[in-house]
Amino acid sequence: MNPIVCLVEKEVVGLLHFPSDDVLFDQSDRLNRDKNLRTALSLGNLDHEKVKITFQDIEGTKQVETTIWGVTDREVILKQGRVIPIHRIIHVQVI
């Protein structure tokens, strides 16, 4: 059974609270997530491509459609300085 995914606007992301544990347990899944984030960042900067980011906050699974403006070691930076901790991201998909 798939969890219910709540679609949110990027403006809401700054109001969410994130636990400190990683949502991905497998190291290869984490490496794949990092690779997908770097690819999405490049596509966003070059072609203004949007992505769907599926992540979990303290309330459950959420998804946002946005352009990634930056990626640090710990966070994904969205427009207007909104951030999502990388360790809470389940999946990144280029739209």
PDB file of N, CA and C in Angstrom:
ATOM      1  N   MET A   1       0.833  -1.185   0.000  1.00  0.00           N
ATOM      2  CA  MET A   1       0.000   0.000   0.000  1.00  0.00           C
ATOM      3  C   MET A   1       0.879   1.251   0.000  1.00  0.00           C
ATOM      4  N   ASN A   2       0.590   2.196  -0.872  1.00  0.00           N
ATOM      5  CA  ASN A   2       1.351   3.444  -0.957  1.00  0.00           C
ATOM      6  C   ASN A   2       0.868   4.430   0.102  1.00  0.00           C
ATOM      7  N   PRO A   3       1.802   5.172   0.706  1.00  0.00           N
ATOM      8  CA  PRO A   3       1.368   6.184   1.666  1.00  0.00           C
ATOM      9  C   PRO A   3       0.657   7.327   0.947  1.00  0.00           C
ATOM     10  N   ILE A   4      -0.200   8.007   1.665  1.00  0.00           N
ATOM     11  CA  ILE A   4      -0.884   9.165   1.114  1.00  0.00           C
ATOM     12  C   ILE A   4       0.124  10.307   1.010  1.00  0.00           C
ATOM     13  N   VAL A   5       0.189  10.915  -0.167  1.00  0.00           N
ATOM     14  CA  VAL A   5       1.118  12.014  -0.398  1.00  0.00           C
ATOM     15  C   VAL A   5       0.317  13.300  -0.495  1.00  0.00           C
ATOM     16  N   CYS A   6       0.679  14.259   0.320  1.00  0.00           N
ATOM     17  CA  CYS A   6       0.031  15.561   0.345  1.00  0.00           C
ATOM     18  C   CYS A   6       0.840  16.531  -0.524  1.00  0.00           C
ATOM     19  N   LEU A   7       0.198  17.087  -1.544  1.00  0.00           N
ATOM     20  CA  LEU A   7       0.868  18.078  -2.391  1.00  0.00           C
ATOM     21  C   LEU A   7       0.886  19.416  -1.664  1.00  0.00           C
ATOM     22  N   VAL A   8       2.059  20.059  -1.629  1.00  0.00           N
ATOM     23  CA  VAL A   8       2.196  21.352  -0.965  1.00  0.00           C
ATOM     24  C   VAL A   8       2.857  22.347  -1.908  1.00  0.00           C
ATOM     25  N   GLU A   9       2.576  23.607  -1.683  1.00  0.00           N
ATOM     26  CA  GLU A   9       3.232  24.673  -2.431  1.00  0.00           C
ATOM     27  C   GLU A   9       4.598  24.940  -1.798  1.00  0.00           C
ATOM     28  N   LYS A  10       5.528  25.425  -2.598  1.00  0.00           N
ATOM     29  CA  LYS A  10       6.886  25.664  -2.074  1.00  0.00           C
ATOM     30  C   LYS A  10       6.894  26.690  -0.943  1.00  0.00           C
ATOM     31  N   GLU A  11       5.929  27.596  -0.940  1.00  0.00           N
ATOM     32  CA  GLU A  11       5.853  28.605   0.107  1.00  0.00           C
ATOM     33  C   GLU A  11       5.569  27.989   1.484  1.00  0.00           C
ATOM     34  N   VAL A  12       4.944  26.820   1.509  1.00  0.00           N
ATOM     35  CA  VAL A  12       4.594  26.130   2.760  1.00  0.00           C
ATOM     36  C   VAL A  12       5.807  25.420   3.363  1.00  0.00           C
ATOM     37  N   VAL A  13       6.778  25.079   2.539  1.00  0.00           N
ATOM     38  CA  VAL A  13       7.929  24.283   2.989  1.00  0.00           C
ATOM     39  C   VAL A  13       8.629  24.929   4.187  1.00  0.00           C
ATOM     40  N   GLY A  14       8.727  26.231   4.215  1.00  0.00           N
ATOM     41  CA  GLY A  14       9.389  26.925   5.311  1.00  0.00           C
ATOM     42  C   GLY A  14       8.673  26.793   6.646  1.00  0.00           C
ATOM     43  N   LEU A  15       7.423  26.377   6.635  1.00  0.00           N
ATOM     44  CA  LEU A  15       6.635  26.228   7.856  1.00  0.00           C
ATOM     45  C   LEU A  15       6.671  24.811   8.423  1.00  0.00           C
ATOM     46  N   LEU A  16       7.266  23.879   7.682  1.00  0.00           N
ATOM     47  CA  LEU A  16       7.255  22.468   8.085  1.00  0.00           C
ATOM     48  C   LEU A  16       8.383  22.154   9.066  1.00  0.00           C
ATOM     49  N   HIS A  17       8.200  21.082   9.816  1.00  0.00           N
ATOM     50  CA  HIS A  17       9.202  20.634  10.783  1.00  0.00           C
ATOM     51  C   HIS A  17       9.692  19.247  10.377  1.00  0.00           C
ATOM     52  N   PHE A  18      11.018  19.061  10.455  1.00  0.00           N
ATOM     53  CA  PHE A  18      11.632  17.837   9.961  1.00  0.00           C
ATOM     54  C   PHE A  18      12.381  17.098  11.065  1.00  0.00           C
ATOM     55  N   PRO A  19      12.113  15.788  11.226  1.00  0.00           N
ATOM     56  CA  PRO A  19      12.891  14.981  12.168  1.00  0.00           C
ATOM     57  C   PRO A  19      14.343  14.860  11.717  1.00  0.00           C
ATOM     58  N   SER A  20      15.194  14.373  12.605  1.00  0.00           N
ATOM     59  CA  SER A  20      16.630  14.307  12.300  1.00  0.00           C
ATOM     60  C   SER A  20      17.066  13.001  11.645  1.00  0.00           C
ATOM     61  N   ASP A  21      16.227  11.990  11.623  1.00  0.00           N
ATOM     62  CA  ASP A  21      16.629  10.712  11.033  1.00  0.00           C
ATOM     63  C   ASP A  21      16.420  10.710   9.522  1.00  0.00           C
ATOM     64  N   ASP A  22      17.192   9.863   8.833  1.00  0.00           N
ATOM     65  CA  ASP A  22      17.112   9.756   7.373  1.00  0.00           C
ATOM     66  C   ASP A  22      15.954   8.851   6.993  1.00  0.00           C
ATOM     67  N   VAL A  23      15.219   9.231   5.939  1.00  0.00           N
ATOM     68  CA  VAL A  23      14.108   8.416   5.466  1.00  0.00           C
ATOM     69  C   VAL A  23      14.577   7.230   4.637  1.00  0.00           C
ATOM     70  N   LEU A  24      15.806   7.276   4.151  1.00  0.00           N
ATOM     71  CA  LEU A  24      16.367   6.176   3.373  1.00  0.00           C
ATOM     72  C   LEU A  24      17.372   5.412   4.227  1.00  0.00           C
ATOM     73  N   PHE A  25      17.231   4.100   4.243  1.00  0.00           N
ATOM     74  CA  PHE A  25      18.095   3.274   5.086  1.00  0.00           C
ATOM     75  C   PHE A  25      19.275   2.687   4.321  1.00  0.00           C
ATOM     76  N   ASP A  26      19.110   2.454   3.034  1.00  0.00           N
ATOM     77  CA  ASP A  26      20.136   1.813   2.221  1.00  0.00           C
ATOM     78  C   ASP A  26      21.124   2.851   1.669  1.00  0.00           C
ATOM     79  N   GLN A  27      22.407   2.569   1.798  1.00  0.00           N
ATOM     80  CA  GLN A  27      23.435   3.509   1.336  1.00  0.00           C
ATOM     81  C   GLN A  27      23.347   3.759  -0.167  1.00  0.00           C
ATOM     82  N   SER A  28      23.029   2.733  -0.953  1.00  0.00           N
ATOM     83  CA  SER A  28      22.921   2.933  -2.405  1.00  0.00           C
ATOM     84  C   SER A  28      21.731   3.836  -2.741  1.00  0.00           C
ATOM     85  N   ASP A  29      20.650   3.747  -1.966  1.00  0.00           N
ATOM     86  CA  ASP A  29      19.512   4.649  -2.169  1.00  0.00           C
ATOM     87  C   ASP A  29      19.903   6.091  -1.857  1.00  0.00           C
ATOM     88  N   ARG A  30      20.708   6.274  -0.828  1.00  0.00           N
ATOM     89  CA  ARG A  30      21.163   7.620  -0.458  1.00  0.00           C
ATOM     90  C   ARG A  30      22.071   8.201  -1.538  1.00  0.00           C
ATOM     91  N   LEU A  31      22.965   7.377  -2.069  1.00  0.00           N
ATOM     92  CA  LEU A  31      23.850   7.835  -3.147  1.00  0.00           C
ATOM     93  C   LEU A  31      23.046   8.197  -4.394  1.00  0.00           C
ATOM     94  N   ASN A  32      22.034   7.389  -4.698  1.00  0.00           N
ATOM     95  CA  ASN A  32      21.176   7.649  -5.847  1.00  0.00           C
ATOM     96  C   ASN A  32      20.395   8.951  -5.646  1.00  0.00           C
ATOM     97  N   ARG A  33      19.918   9.198  -4.426  1.00  0.00           N
ATOM     98  CA  ARG A  33      19.212  10.441  -4.119  1.00  0.00           C
ATOM     99  C   ARG A  33      20.134  11.638  -4.368  1.00  0.00           C
ATOM    100  N   ASP A  34      21.387  11.553  -3.886  1.00  0.00           N
ATOM    101  CA  ASP A  34      22.343  12.646  -4.090  1.00  0.00           C
ATOM    102  C   ASP A  34      22.606  12.891  -5.565  1.00  0.00           C
ATOM    103  N   LYS A  35      22.758  11.821  -6.325  1.00  0.00           N
ATOM    104  CA  LYS A  35      22.986  11.942  -7.773  1.00  0.00           C
ATOM    105  C   LYS A  35      21.791  12.604  -8.450  1.00  0.00           C
ATOM    106  N   ASN A  36      20.581  12.184  -8.087  1.00  0.00           N
ATOM    107  CA  ASN A  36      19.371  12.767  -8.674  1.00  0.00           C
ATOM    108  C   ASN A  36      19.225  14.247  -8.312  1.00  0.00           C
ATOM    109  N   LEU A  37      19.603  14.620  -7.101  1.00  0.00           N
ATOM    110  CA  LEU A  37      19.547  16.022  -6.695  1.00  0.00           C
ATOM    111  C   LEU A  37      20.518  16.872  -7.505  1.00  0.00           C
ATOM    112  N   ARG A  38      21.728  16.374  -7.717  1.00  0.00           N
ATOM    113  CA  ARG A  38      22.727  17.119  -8.505  1.00  0.00           C
ATOM    114  C   ARG A  38      22.260  17.275  -9.954  1.00  0.00           C
ATOM    115  N   THR A  39      21.664  16.210 -10.500  1.00  0.00           N
ATOM    116  CA  THR A  39      21.139  16.283 -11.865  1.00  0.00           C
ATOM    117  C   THR A  39      20.009  17.305 -11.947  1.00  0.00           C
ATOM    118  N   ALA A  40      19.095  17.266 -10.971  1.00  0.00           N
ATOM    119  CA  ALA A  40      17.971  18.202 -10.949  1.00  0.00           C
ATOM    120  C   ALA A  40      18.460  19.638 -10.795  1.00  0.00           C
ATOM    121  N   LEU A  41      19.493  19.851 -10.002  1.00  0.00           N
ATOM    122  CA  LEU A  41      20.068  21.182  -9.850  1.00  0.00           C
ATOM    123  C   LEU A  41      20.611  21.688 -11.181  1.00  0.00           C
ATOM    124  N   SER A  42      21.354  20.857 -11.876  1.00  0.00           N
ATOM    125  CA  SER A  42      21.913  21.247 -13.175  1.00  0.00           C
ATOM    126  C   SER A  42      20.813  21.574 -14.174  1.00  0.00           C
ATOM    127  N   LEU A  43      19.787  20.736 -14.232  1.00  0.00           N
ATOM    128  CA  LEU A  43      18.690  20.971 -15.168  1.00  0.00           C
ATOM    129  C   LEU A  43      17.909  22.231 -14.800  1.00  0.00           C
ATOM    130  N   GLY A  44      17.774  22.493 -13.521  1.00  0.00           N
ATOM    131  CA  GLY A  44      17.084  23.697 -13.075  1.00  0.00           C
ATOM    132  C   GLY A  44      17.849  24.955 -13.439  1.00  0.00           C
ATOM    133  N   ASN A  45      19.165  24.915 -13.261  1.00  0.00           N
ATOM    134  CA  ASN A  45      19.993  26.081 -13.570  1.00  0.00           C
ATOM    135  C   ASN A  45      20.129  26.320 -15.063  1.00  0.00           C
ATOM    136  N   LEU A  46      20.233  25.254 -15.842  1.00  0.00           N
ATOM    137  CA  LEU A  46      20.442  25.385 -17.280  1.00  0.00           C
ATOM    138  C   LEU A  46      19.145  25.582 -18.054  1.00  0.00           C
ATOM    139  N   ASP A  47      18.146  24.753 -17.755  1.00  0.00           N
ATOM    140  CA  ASP A  47      16.922  24.726 -18.556  1.00  0.00           C
ATOM    141  C   ASP A  47      15.663  25.125 -17.784  1.00  0.00           C
ATOM    142  N   HIS A  48      15.828  25.535 -16.530  1.00  0.00           N
ATOM    143  CA  HIS A  48      14.692  25.908 -15.674  1.00  0.00           C
ATOM    144  C   HIS A  48      13.675  24.773 -15.563  1.00  0.00           C
ATOM    145  N   GLU A  49      14.191  23.535 -15.557  1.00  0.00           N
ATOM    146  CA  GLU A  49      13.337  22.357 -15.415  1.00  0.00           C
ATOM    147  C   GLU A  49      12.815  22.255 -13.986  1.00  0.00           C
ATOM    148  N   LYS A  50      11.549  21.892 -13.851  1.00  0.00           N
ATOM    149  CA  LYS A  50      10.968  21.670 -12.529  1.00  0.00           C
ATOM    150  C   LYS A  50      11.114  20.200 -12.151  1.00  0.00           C
ATOM    151  N   VAL A  51      11.075  19.958 -10.849  1.00  0.00           N
ATOM    152  CA  VAL A  51      11.142  18.599 -10.329  1.00  0.00           C
ATOM    153  C   VAL A  51      10.025  18.386  -9.319  1.00  0.00           C
ATOM    154  N   LYS A  52       9.698  17.121  -9.103  1.00  0.00           N
ATOM    155  CA  LYS A  52       8.817  16.729  -8.010  1.00  0.00           C
ATOM    156  C   LYS A  52       9.719  16.166  -6.923  1.00  0.00           C
ATOM    157  N   ILE A  53       9.655  16.759  -5.743  1.00  0.00           N
ATOM    158  CA  ILE A  53      10.427  16.277  -4.604  1.00  0.00           C
ATOM    159  C   ILE A  53       9.436  15.660  -3.618  1.00  0.00           C
ATOM    160  N   THR A  54       9.606  14.380  -3.360  1.00  0.00           N
ATOM    161  CA  THR A  54       8.783  13.687  -2.378  1.00  0.00           C
ATOM    162  C   THR A  54       9.603  13.577  -1.105  1.00  0.00           C
ATOM    163  N   PHE A  55       9.027  14.005   0.012  1.00  0.00           N
ATOM    164  CA  PHE A  55       9.769  14.062   1.270  1.00  0.00           C
ATOM    165  C   PHE A  55       8.831  13.814   2.445  1.00  0.00           C
ATOM    166  N   GLN A  56       9.418  13.654   3.627  1.00  0.00           N
ATOM    167  CA  GLN A  56       8.624  13.469   4.839  1.00  0.00           C
ATOM    168  C   GLN A  56       8.970  14.518   5.878  1.00  0.00           C
ATOM    169  N   ASP A  57       7.924  15.115   6.449  1.00  0.00           N
ATOM    170  CA  ASP A  57       8.107  15.985   7.605  1.00  0.00           C
ATOM    171  C   ASP A  57       7.533  15.242   8.810  1.00  0.00           C
ATOM    172  N   ILE A  58       7.280  15.936   9.919  1.00  0.00           N
ATOM    173  CA  ILE A  58       6.784  15.238  11.107  1.00  0.00           C
ATOM    174  C   ILE A  58       5.349  14.733  10.938  1.00  0.00           C
ATOM    175  N   GLU A  59       4.625  15.272   9.957  1.00  0.00           N
ATOM    176  CA  GLU A  59       3.229  14.881   9.764  1.00  0.00           C
ATOM    177  C   GLU A  59       3.036  13.777   8.738  1.00  0.00           C
ATOM    178  N   GLY A  60       4.018  13.550   7.859  1.00  0.00           N
ATOM    179  CA  GLY A  60       3.846  12.513   6.844  1.00  0.00           C
ATOM    180  C   GLY A  60       4.542  12.852   5.549  1.00  0.00           C
ATOM    181  N   THR A  61       4.123  12.164   4.501  1.00  0.00           N
ATOM    182  CA  THR A  61       4.751  12.295   3.188  1.00  0.00           C
ATOM    183  C   THR A  61       4.115  13.436   2.414  1.00  0.00           C
ATOM    184  N   LYS A  62       4.977  14.258   1.841  1.00  0.00           N
ATOM    185  CA  LYS A  62       4.528  15.420   1.071  1.00  0.00           C
ATOM    186  C   LYS A  62       5.297  15.474  -0.253  1.00  0.00           C
ATOM    187  N   GLN A  63       4.764  16.263  -1.179  1.00  0.00           N
ATOM    188  CA  GLN A  63       5.423  16.441  -2.474  1.00  0.00           C
ATOM    189  C   GLN A  63       5.279  17.893  -2.897  1.00  0.00           C
ATOM    190  N   VAL A  64       6.351  18.418  -3.478  1.00  0.00           N
ATOM    191  CA  VAL A  64       6.351  19.788  -3.982  1.00  0.00           C
ATOM    192  C   VAL A  64       6.919  19.778  -5.400  1.00  0.00           C
ATOM    193  N   GLU A  65       6.325  20.591  -6.270  1.00  0.00           N
ATOM    194  CA  GLU A  65       6.845  20.771  -7.621  1.00  0.00           C
ATOM    195  C   GLU A  65       7.527  22.125  -7.659  1.00  0.00           C
ATOM    196  N   THR A  66       8.821  22.129  -8.009  1.00  0.00           N
ATOM    197  CA  THR A  66       9.593  23.363  -7.934  1.00  0.00           C
ATOM    198  C   THR A  66      10.868  23.238  -8.748  1.00  0.00           C
ATOM    199  N   THR A  67      11.606  24.317  -8.810  1.00  0.00           N
ATOM    200  CA  THR A  67      12.949  24.312  -9.380  1.00  0.00           C
ATOM    201  C   THR A  67      13.938  24.337  -8.220  1.00  0.00           C
ATOM    202  N   ILE A  68      14.968  23.515  -8.302  1.00  0.00           N
ATOM    203  CA  ILE A  68      16.002  23.497  -7.266  1.00  0.00           C
ATOM    204  C   ILE A  68      17.007  24.595  -7.583  1.00  0.00           C
ATOM    205  N   TRP A  69      17.229  25.491  -6.622  1.00  0.00           N
ATOM    206  CA  TRP A  69      18.157  26.603  -6.810  1.00  0.00           C
ATOM    207  C   TRP A  69      19.544  26.285  -6.295  1.00  0.00           C
ATOM    208  N   GLY A  70      19.646  25.362  -5.347  1.00  0.00           N
ATOM    209  CA  GLY A  70      20.944  25.021  -4.795  1.00  0.00           C
ATOM    210  C   GLY A  70      20.884  23.729  -3.997  1.00  0.00           C
ATOM    211  N   VAL A  71      22.042  23.102  -3.849  1.00  0.00           N
ATOM    212  CA  VAL A  71      22.167  21.897  -3.044  1.00  0.00           C
ATOM    213  C   VAL A  71      23.434  22.028  -2.215  1.00  0.00           C
ATOM    214  N   THR A  72      23.296  21.909  -0.894  1.00  0.00           N
ATOM    215  CA  THR A  72      24.455  21.900  -0.005  1.00  0.00           C
ATOM    216  C   THR A  72      24.660  20.466   0.469  1.00  0.00           C
ATOM    217  N   ASP A  73      25.569  20.266   1.403  1.00  0.00           N
ATOM    218  CA  ASP A  73      25.775  18.922   1.951  1.00  0.00           C
ATOM    219  C   ASP A  73      24.563  18.429   2.725  1.00  0.00           C
ATOM    220  N   ARG A  74      23.744  19.363   3.203  1.00  0.00           N
ATOM    221  CA  ARG A  74      22.631  18.988   4.082  1.00  0.00           C
ATOM    222  C   ARG A  74      21.241  19.383   3.598  1.00  0.00           C
ATOM    223  N   GLU A  75      21.163  20.356   2.677  1.00  0.00           N
ATOM    224  CA  GLU A  75      19.856  20.899   2.314  1.00  0.00           C
ATOM    225  C   GLU A  75      19.709  21.128   0.818  1.00  0.00           C
ATOM    226  N   VAL A  76      18.455  21.090   0.382  1.00  0.00           N
ATOM    227  CA  VAL A  76      18.087  21.502  -0.961  1.00  0.00           C
ATOM    228  C   VAL A  76      17.465  22.887  -0.818  1.00  0.00           C
ATOM    229  N   ILE A  77      17.931  23.824  -1.615  1.00  0.00           N
ATOM    230  CA  ILE A  77      17.463  25.203  -1.531  1.00  0.00           C
ATOM    231  C   ILE A  77      16.488  25.467  -2.679  1.00  0.00           C
ATOM    232  N   LEU A  78      15.305  25.951  -2.308  1.00  0.00           N
ATOM    233  CA  LEU A  78      14.278  26.288  -3.272  1.00  0.00           C
ATOM    234  C   LEU A  78      14.180  27.811  -3.384  1.00  0.00           C
ATOM    235  N   LYS A  79      13.306  28.268  -4.237  1.00  0.00           N
ATOM    236  CA  LYS A  79      13.077  29.702  -4.415  1.00  0.00           C
ATOM    237  C   LYS A  79      12.708  30.341  -3.073  1.00  0.00           C
ATOM    238  N   GLN A  80      13.098  31.578  -2.894  1.00  0.00           N
ATOM    239  CA  GLN A  80      12.817  32.381  -1.701  1.00  0.00           C
ATOM    240  C   GLN A  80      13.473  31.793  -0.444  1.00  0.00           C
ATOM    241  N   GLY A  81      14.568  31.053  -0.625  1.00  0.00           N
ATOM    242  CA  GLY A  81      15.324  30.539   0.507  1.00  0.00           C
ATOM    243  C   GLY A  81      14.669  29.397   1.263  1.00  0.00           C
ATOM    244  N   ARG A  82      13.612  28.821   0.728  1.00  0.00           N
ATOM    245  CA  ARG A  82      12.984  27.665   1.369  1.00  0.00           C
ATOM    246  C   ARG A  82      13.942  26.486   1.272  1.00  0.00           C
ATOM    247  N   VAL A  83      14.029  25.672   2.316  1.00  0.00           N
ATOM    248  CA  VAL A  83      14.945  24.526   2.292  1.00  0.00           C
ATOM    249  C   VAL A  83      14.239  23.253   2.740  1.00  0.00           C
ATOM    250  N   ILE A  84      14.707  22.142   2.179  1.00  0.00           N
ATOM    251  CA  ILE A  84      14.284  20.807   2.599  1.00  0.00           C
ATOM    252  C   ILE A  84      15.554  20.058   2.971  1.00  0.00           C
ATOM    253  N   PRO A  85      15.618  19.495   4.178  1.00  0.00           N
ATOM    254  CA  PRO A  85      16.799  18.695   4.534  1.00  0.00           C
ATOM    255  C   PRO A  85      16.913  17.485   3.611  1.00  0.00           C
ATOM    256  N   ILE A  86      18.099  17.246   3.090  1.00  0.00           N
ATOM    257  CA  ILE A  86      18.302  16.137   2.165  1.00  0.00           C
ATOM    258  C   ILE A  86      17.914  14.809   2.807  1.00  0.00           C
ATOM    259  N   HIS A  87      18.203  14.642   4.086  1.00  0.00           N
ATOM    260  CA  HIS A  87      17.932  13.355   4.744  1.00  0.00           C
ATOM    261  C   HIS A  87      16.435  13.049   4.871  1.00  0.00           C
ATOM    262  N   ARG A  88      15.579  14.006   4.536  1.00  0.00           N
ATOM    263  CA  ARG A  88      14.132  13.778   4.586  1.00  0.00           C
ATOM    264  C   ARG A  88      13.526  13.564   3.195  1.00  0.00           C
ATOM    265  N   ILE A  89      14.361  13.599   2.144  1.00  0.00           N
ATOM    266  CA  ILE A  89      13.877  13.443   0.777  1.00  0.00           C
ATOM    267  C   ILE A  89      13.844  11.961   0.416  1.00  0.00           C
ATOM    268  N   ILE A  90      12.685  11.538  -0.065  1.00  0.00           N
ATOM    269  CA  ILE A  90      12.479  10.143  -0.478  1.00  0.00           C
ATOM    270  C   ILE A  90      12.825   9.964  -1.950  1.00  0.00           C
ATOM    271  N   HIS A  91      12.371  10.915  -2.776  1.00  0.00           N
ATOM    272  CA  HIS A  91      12.506  10.753  -4.222  1.00  0.00           C
ATOM    273  C   HIS A  91      12.540  12.113  -4.926  1.00  0.00           C
ATOM    274  N   VAL A  92      13.297  12.178  -6.007  1.00  0.00           N
ATOM    275  CA  VAL A  92      13.381  13.372  -6.842  1.00  0.00           C
ATOM    276  C   VAL A  92      13.115  12.948  -8.282  1.00  0.00           C
ATOM    277  N   GLN A  93      12.156  13.612  -8.925  1.00  0.00           N
ATOM    278  CA  GLN A  93      11.806  13.263 -10.299  1.00  0.00           C
ATOM    279  C   GLN A  93      11.730  14.526 -11.145  1.00  0.00           C
ATOM    280  N   VAL A  94      12.449  14.535 -12.261  1.00  0.00           N
ATOM    281  CA  VAL A  94      12.379  15.664 -13.194  1.00  0.00           C
ATOM    282  C   VAL A  94      11.040  15.566 -13.923  1.00  0.00           C
ATOM    283  N   ILE A  95      10.352  16.702 -14.013  1.00  0.00           N
ATOM    284  CA  ILE A  95       9.032  16.722 -14.667  1.00  0.00           C
ATOM    285  C   ILE A  95       9.209  16.930 -16.160  1.00  0.00           C
TER     286      ILE A  95
END
